[in-house]
Structure formats: structure tokens, C-alpha cells
Amino acid sequence: MALTARSPRLSSSRYAAVNQVYREFFADCPRFPARTTVVTHLVREGVRVEIDGVAALAR
């Protein structure tokens, strides 16, 4: 699994908040998925963080 997080402004407090949610969401995973964080302009105004991911499931 790989995730990309995008944010228009990523202060240290906002980054810490994103990390906390990330830890809580993936608490049951033996390893956290790889993640890339990018500071960029987002398409919709008012959005603080946009995250997309790609995952593969074992058969």
C-alpha cells in the first residue's frame, strides 16, 4: 500500500495531527503503509488535506 497526502499549508502542528490520524487508522496493521507528503495547491478551497492511496490484496 502507498499513500500520497497533499496539503496547501502543512505547519508542524497540522503535520502532527495528520500523523495521529494515520496512526489511529492503521493501528491494526503490522507496518504502516509508505507515505509521501506534498505541499501543493488543492483543487477545492477549504480542503486542508487530500489523501489518495493504492492497495493490493492477496488472493
N, C-alpha and C. Protein backbone atom coordinates (compact mmCIF):
# COMPACT_ATOMS: atom_id res chain seq x y z
N MET A 1 0.84 -1.17 0.00
CA MET A 1 0.00 0.00 0.00
C MET A 1 0.88 1.23 0.00
N ALA A 2 0.46 2.25 -0.72
CA ALA A 2 1.17 3.52 -0.75
C ALA A 2 0.15 4.65 -0.71
N LEU A 3 0.44 5.68 0.05
CA LEU A 3 -0.45 6.82 0.18
C LEU A 3 0.27 8.10 -0.20
N THR A 4 -0.47 9.04 -0.75
CA THR A 4 0.05 10.38 -1.02
C THR A 4 -0.86 11.37 -0.32
N ALA A 5 -0.29 12.21 0.54
CA ALA A 5 -1.04 13.25 1.24
C ALA A 5 -0.64 14.60 0.66
N ARG A 6 -1.65 15.41 0.33
CA ARG A 6 -1.39 16.74 -0.22
C ARG A 6 -2.03 17.78 0.68
N SER A 7 -1.35 18.90 0.86
CA SER A 7 -1.88 19.98 1.69
C SER A 7 -1.37 21.31 1.17
N PRO A 8 -2.23 22.37 1.20
CA PRO A 8 -1.76 23.68 0.75
C PRO A 8 -0.79 24.32 1.75
N ARG A 9 -0.98 24.04 3.02
CA ARG A 9 -0.09 24.54 4.07
C ARG A 9 0.08 23.42 5.07
N LEU A 10 1.28 23.10 5.42
CA LEU A 10 1.49 21.99 6.34
C LEU A 10 2.41 22.45 7.46
N SER A 11 1.82 23.10 8.46
CA SER A 11 2.58 23.53 9.63
C SER A 11 2.94 22.29 10.45
N SER A 12 3.84 22.45 11.39
CA SER A 12 4.25 21.31 12.21
C SER A 12 3.08 20.77 13.03
N SER A 13 2.17 21.63 13.48
CA SER A 13 1.03 21.14 14.26
C SER A 13 0.04 20.38 13.36
N ARG A 14 -0.16 20.85 12.14
CA ARG A 14 -1.05 20.14 11.22
C ARG A 14 -0.43 18.80 10.82
N TYR A 15 0.87 18.77 10.60
CA TYR A 15 1.56 17.53 10.26
C TYR A 15 1.43 16.52 11.40
N ALA A 16 1.56 17.01 12.64
CA ALA A 16 1.40 16.13 13.81
C ALA A 16 -0.02 15.57 13.87
N ALA A 17 -1.01 16.39 13.54
CA ALA A 17 -2.41 15.92 13.55
C ALA A 17 -2.63 14.86 12.48
N VAL A 18 -2.07 15.06 11.30
CA VAL A 18 -2.18 14.06 10.22
C VAL A 18 -1.53 12.76 10.66
N ASN A 19 -0.37 12.84 11.30
CA ASN A 19 0.32 11.63 11.78
C ASN A 19 -0.52 10.89 12.82
N GLN A 20 -1.19 11.62 13.71
CA GLN A 20 -2.03 10.99 14.73
C GLN A 20 -3.18 10.22 14.09
N VAL A 21 -3.86 10.82 13.14
CA VAL A 21 -4.96 10.15 12.44
C VAL A 21 -4.44 8.93 11.67
N TYR A 22 -3.27 9.07 11.05
CA TYR A 22 -2.63 7.98 10.31
C TYR A 22 -2.37 6.79 11.24
N ARG A 23 -1.81 7.07 12.42
CA ARG A 23 -1.53 6.00 13.40
C ARG A 23 -2.82 5.32 13.85
N GLU A 24 -3.85 6.10 14.11
CA GLU A 24 -5.13 5.54 14.57
C GLU A 24 -5.78 4.70 13.47
N PHE A 25 -5.80 5.20 12.24
CA PHE A 25 -6.45 4.49 11.14
C PHE A 25 -5.77 3.16 10.84
N PHE A 26 -4.43 3.13 10.91
CA PHE A 26 -3.68 1.92 10.58
C PHE A 26 -3.18 1.19 11.83
N ALA A 27 -3.86 1.35 12.95
CA ALA A 27 -3.43 0.76 14.22
C ALA A 27 -3.33 -0.77 14.15
N ASP A 28 -4.17 -1.42 13.36
CA ASP A 28 -4.18 -2.89 13.28
C ASP A 28 -3.19 -3.45 12.27
N CYS A 29 -2.51 -2.60 11.54
CA CYS A 29 -1.54 -3.05 10.53
C CYS A 29 -0.19 -3.35 11.18
N PRO A 30 0.46 -4.45 10.77
CA PRO A 30 1.78 -4.76 11.34
C PRO A 30 2.83 -3.70 10.98
N ARG A 31 2.68 -3.07 9.81
CA ARG A 31 3.58 -1.99 9.39
C ARG A 31 2.74 -0.88 8.78
N PHE A 32 3.15 0.35 8.98
CA PHE A 32 2.45 1.46 8.36
C PHE A 32 2.75 1.48 6.87
N PRO A 33 1.76 1.81 6.05
CA PRO A 33 2.00 1.93 4.61
C PRO A 33 2.97 3.07 4.31
N ALA A 34 3.65 2.95 3.19
CA ALA A 34 4.53 4.02 2.74
C ALA A 34 3.69 5.26 2.49
N ARG A 35 4.29 6.43 2.72
CA ARG A 35 3.53 7.67 2.53
C ARG A 35 4.44 8.76 1.99
N THR A 36 3.90 9.53 1.06
CA THR A 36 4.57 10.71 0.54
C THR A 36 3.70 11.91 0.91
N THR A 37 4.30 12.98 1.40
CA THR A 37 3.56 14.19 1.73
C THR A 37 4.05 15.32 0.84
N VAL A 38 3.10 16.03 0.21
CA VAL A 38 3.42 17.08 -0.73
C VAL A 38 2.66 18.35 -0.35
N VAL A 39 3.35 19.48 -0.33
CA VAL A 39 2.69 20.77 -0.12
C VAL A 39 2.41 21.34 -1.50
N THR A 40 1.11 21.53 -1.80
CA THR A 40 0.70 21.95 -3.14
C THR A 40 -0.66 22.63 -3.08
N HIS A 41 -1.06 23.25 -4.16
CA HIS A 41 -2.39 23.85 -4.27
C HIS A 41 -3.41 22.73 -4.50
N LEU A 42 -4.53 22.76 -3.77
CA LEU A 42 -5.57 21.76 -3.94
C LEU A 42 -6.68 22.32 -4.82
N VAL A 43 -7.43 21.45 -5.47
CA VAL A 43 -8.47 21.86 -6.41
C VAL A 43 -9.62 22.58 -5.71
N ARG A 44 -10.05 22.09 -4.55
CA ARG A 44 -11.18 22.68 -3.85
C ARG A 44 -10.70 23.56 -2.71
N GLU A 45 -11.27 24.75 -2.59
CA GLU A 45 -10.93 25.64 -1.48
C GLU A 45 -11.49 25.09 -0.18
N GLY A 46 -10.81 25.35 0.92
CA GLY A 46 -11.27 24.91 2.22
C GLY A 46 -10.82 23.51 2.61
N VAL A 47 -10.26 22.76 1.69
CA VAL A 47 -9.76 21.41 1.99
C VAL A 47 -8.40 21.55 2.65
N ARG A 48 -8.22 20.92 3.78
CA ARG A 48 -6.94 21.03 4.50
C ARG A 48 -5.93 19.97 4.06
N VAL A 49 -6.42 18.74 3.88
CA VAL A 49 -5.54 17.64 3.47
C VAL A 49 -6.31 16.75 2.51
N GLU A 50 -5.66 16.33 1.46
CA GLU A 50 -6.24 15.39 0.49
C GLU A 50 -5.33 14.19 0.45
N ILE A 51 -5.89 12.99 0.60
CA ILE A 51 -5.09 11.76 0.64
C ILE A 51 -5.65 10.76 -0.36
N ASP A 52 -4.78 10.16 -1.15
CA ASP A 52 -5.19 9.06 -2.01
C ASP A 52 -4.27 7.88 -1.77
N GLY A 53 -4.73 6.70 -2.11
CA GLY A 53 -3.93 5.52 -1.85
C GLY A 53 -4.12 4.44 -2.89
N VAL A 54 -3.17 3.53 -2.93
CA VAL A 54 -3.22 2.36 -3.80
C VAL A 54 -2.91 1.15 -2.93
N ALA A 55 -3.75 0.13 -3.04
CA ALA A 55 -3.54 -1.07 -2.22
C ALA A 55 -3.69 -2.32 -3.09
N ALA A 56 -2.99 -3.36 -2.72
CA ALA A 56 -3.10 -4.65 -3.38
C ALA A 56 -3.52 -5.68 -2.33
N LEU A 57 -4.49 -6.50 -2.67
CA LEU A 57 -4.97 -7.53 -1.76
C LEU A 57 -4.44 -8.90 -2.20
N ALA A 58 -4.02 -9.69 -1.22
CA ALA A 58 -3.55 -11.04 -1.53
C ALA A 58 -4.76 -11.92 -1.87
N ARG A 59 -4.55 -12.84 -2.79
CA ARG A 59 -5.64 -13.74 -3.17
C ARG A 59 -5.69 -14.94 -2.29
